[in-house]
Protein backbone atom coordinates (compact mmCIF):
# COMPACT_ATOMS: atom_id res chain seq x y z
CA MET A 1 70.46 124.47 2.04
CA LYS A 2 72.07 124.28 -1.37
CA ILE A 3 73.59 127.35 -2.96
CA ARG A 4 74.85 127.74 -6.49
CA THR A 5 78.19 129.41 -7.06
CA LEU A 6 80.19 130.20 -10.17
CA ARG A 7 83.56 129.31 -8.61
CA PHE A 8 82.65 126.32 -6.46
CA GLY A 9 79.61 124.81 -8.16
CA GLU A 10 76.72 123.74 -5.95
CA LEU A 11 77.49 123.79 -2.22
CA GLU A 12 75.64 122.53 0.82
CA VAL A 13 75.56 125.21 3.53
CA ALA A 14 73.68 125.01 6.81
CA GLU A 15 71.10 127.80 7.02
CA SER A 16 72.45 128.59 10.48
CA ASP A 17 75.82 129.44 8.84
CA ILE A 18 74.40 132.05 6.46
CA ILE A 19 75.59 135.55 7.29
CA PHE A 20 72.91 138.23 7.01
CA MET A 21 73.63 141.89 6.22
CA ASP A 22 70.64 144.20 6.59
CA GLU A 23 72.28 146.89 4.47
CA GLY A 24 74.22 144.60 2.14
CA LEU A 25 77.77 145.42 1.11
CA LEU A 26 78.71 148.81 -0.30
CA GLY A 27 77.72 148.75 -3.95
CA PHE A 28 75.50 145.70 -3.44
CA PRO A 29 72.63 146.90 -1.21
CA GLY A 30 70.16 144.33 -2.57
CA LEU A 31 72.22 141.30 -1.57
CA HIS A 32 71.80 140.36 2.07
CA LYS A 33 72.85 136.72 2.47
CA TYR A 34 76.43 135.45 2.31
CA ALA A 35 78.28 132.23 3.01
CA ILE A 36 81.89 131.98 4.12
CA ILE A 37 83.82 129.42 2.12
CA ALA A 38 87.20 128.46 3.52
CA ASP A 39 89.67 126.32 1.60
CA PRO A 40 92.72 125.34 3.70
CA ASP A 41 94.85 125.43 0.55
CA GLN A 42 94.03 129.15 0.10
CA ALA A 43 94.54 130.21 3.73
CA PRO A 44 94.69 132.87 5.05
CA PHE A 45 92.33 133.99 2.28
CA ILE A 46 88.68 132.94 2.41
CA TRP A 47 85.66 133.63 0.23
CA LEU A 48 82.52 135.58 1.02
CA GLN A 49 79.98 134.14 -1.42
CA ALA A 50 76.71 135.95 -2.15
CA VAL A 51 73.90 133.42 -1.70
CA GLU A 52 71.46 135.34 -3.91
CA GLU A 53 73.97 135.90 -6.74
CA PRO A 54 76.03 132.86 -7.83
CA ASP A 55 78.50 135.00 -9.81
CA LEU A 56 79.44 137.25 -6.88
CA ALA A 57 82.11 136.28 -4.37
CA PHE A 58 84.72 138.34 -2.56
CA VAL A 59 88.11 137.29 -1.25
CA VAL A 60 88.35 138.35 2.40
CA VAL A 61 90.99 138.11 5.09
CA ASP A 62 91.46 138.66 8.79
CA PRO A 63 93.26 142.03 8.68
CA PHE A 64 95.02 141.44 12.00
CA LEU A 65 97.15 138.72 10.38
CA PHE A 66 98.82 141.39 8.26
CA PHE A 67 98.23 144.53 10.34
CA PRO A 68 98.43 143.68 14.06
CA GLY A 69 98.19 147.41 14.85
CA TYR A 70 94.83 147.77 13.10
CA GLN A 71 92.35 149.38 15.50
CA LEU A 72 88.61 149.87 15.19
CA ALA A 73 87.12 152.66 17.26
CA LEU A 74 83.41 152.01 16.96
CA LYS A 75 80.41 153.66 18.52
CA PRO A 76 78.20 151.39 20.66
CA GLN A 77 75.30 151.81 18.20
CA GLU A 78 77.49 150.48 15.36
CA LEU A 79 78.10 147.31 17.35
CA GLN A 80 74.48 147.06 18.47
CA THR A 81 73.27 146.89 14.84
CA VAL A 82 74.67 143.36 14.74
CA GLY A 83 73.93 142.51 18.37
CA LEU A 84 77.41 143.03 19.83
CA GLU A 85 78.42 144.77 23.04
CA THR A 86 82.17 144.89 22.40
CA ILE A 87 84.41 144.71 19.34
CA GLU A 88 86.26 141.76 20.91
CA GLN A 89 83.15 139.63 20.31
CA ALA A 90 83.25 140.31 16.55
CA VAL A 91 84.88 138.54 13.67
CA ILE A 92 86.54 141.21 11.54
CA LEU A 93 87.22 140.67 7.84
CA THR A 94 88.35 142.98 5.07
CA ILE A 95 87.79 142.65 1.33
CA VAL A 96 90.87 141.85 -0.75
CA VAL A 97 91.71 142.73 -4.34
CA ILE A 98 94.10 140.33 -6.08
CA PRO A 99 95.69 141.82 -9.23
CA LEU A 100 97.99 140.01 -11.66
CA ASN A 101 101.09 140.79 -9.59
CA PRO A 102 100.61 139.10 -6.19
CA MET A 103 102.88 141.68 -4.54
CA ASP A 104 100.19 144.27 -5.33
CA ILE A 105 97.41 142.52 -3.34
CA THR A 106 95.45 145.09 -1.36
CA THR A 107 92.79 145.06 1.32
CA ASN A 108 90.18 147.63 2.30
CA LEU A 109 90.95 148.67 5.88
CA ARG A 110 88.57 151.63 5.55
CA GLY A 111 85.54 149.36 5.02
CA PRO A 112 85.82 146.35 7.35
CA LEU A 113 83.10 143.77 7.84
CA ILE A 114 82.06 143.10 11.42
CA ILE A 115 80.34 139.78 12.00
CA ASN A 116 78.61 138.61 15.14
CA PRO A 117 79.46 134.88 15.23
CA GLU A 118 76.62 134.21 17.68
CA ASN A 119 73.78 135.37 15.42
CA ASN A 120 75.59 135.67 12.03
CA LYS A 121 74.50 139.27 11.59
CA ALA A 122 77.06 141.40 9.81
CA ARG A 123 77.65 144.91 8.61
CA GLN A 124 80.20 146.69 6.49
CA LEU A 125 81.46 149.85 8.15
CA VAL A 126 83.03 152.94 6.67
CA LEU A 127 85.71 154.16 9.04
CA ILE A 128 86.51 157.84 9.32
CA ASP A 129 90.16 157.35 10.17
CA ASP A 130 92.91 158.82 7.98
CA ARG A 131 95.26 155.94 8.84
CA TYR A 132 93.14 153.54 6.81
CA HIS A 133 92.51 153.41 3.09
CA THR A 134 90.60 151.25 0.68
CA LYS A 135 93.82 149.83 -0.81
CA HIS A 136 96.44 148.84 1.76
CA LEU A 137 99.17 146.63 0.32
CA LEU A 138 99.17 143.28 2.13
CA LEU A 139 102.60 141.96 1.29
CA ARG A 140 104.89 145.01 1.34
CA ASP A 141 105.38 148.48 2.77
CA ILE A 142 103.23 147.94 5.87
CA PRO A 143 103.17 151.25 7.76
CA PRO A 144 104.94 151.06 11.16
CA GLU A 145 101.77 152.04 13.05
CA LEU A 146 100.00 149.00 11.56
CA ALA A 147 102.91 146.56 11.86
CA GLY A 148 102.85 146.03 15.63
CA LYS A 149 100.12 145.31 18.10
CA PRO A 150 98.25 148.41 19.33
CA ASP A 151 100.27 148.61 22.55
CA GLU A 152 103.48 148.37 20.49
CA ALA A 153 102.46 151.05 17.99
CA VAL A 154 104.90 153.83 17.19
CA GLY A 155 104.45 156.85 19.41
CA GLU A 156 102.72 155.04 22.28
């Protein structure tokens, strides 16, 4: 299928690659279909493009690249809403905000996206975990508990 985008013009995307969010993203409950647009020149950042709204696209990233100690404690019913049994089956992305100063780039670890790559169903979660905020700096001052892998975390 062809989708129109403000940033990338018209793109050809296989319908089987469209990600569907029953509830939409926070603040955008009426938009349910998204396409992931990856440009190797912009890695590790990728785009989450709204299919129904050409002007709306979000920069997203795999949070584990920057925060290996990031942990998601999810209830089984949260996973089941997208057809997953375990979190290890999911693709996890977080939304990024890129201000004028690149050192101030942040990501929302409190509201991750979980995507089932088998059926392309996705959901944005709101974590109730005081370690995570909506604006974690990506390129500086990474808290020690998020810097290492979970088994290397401080205090364990």
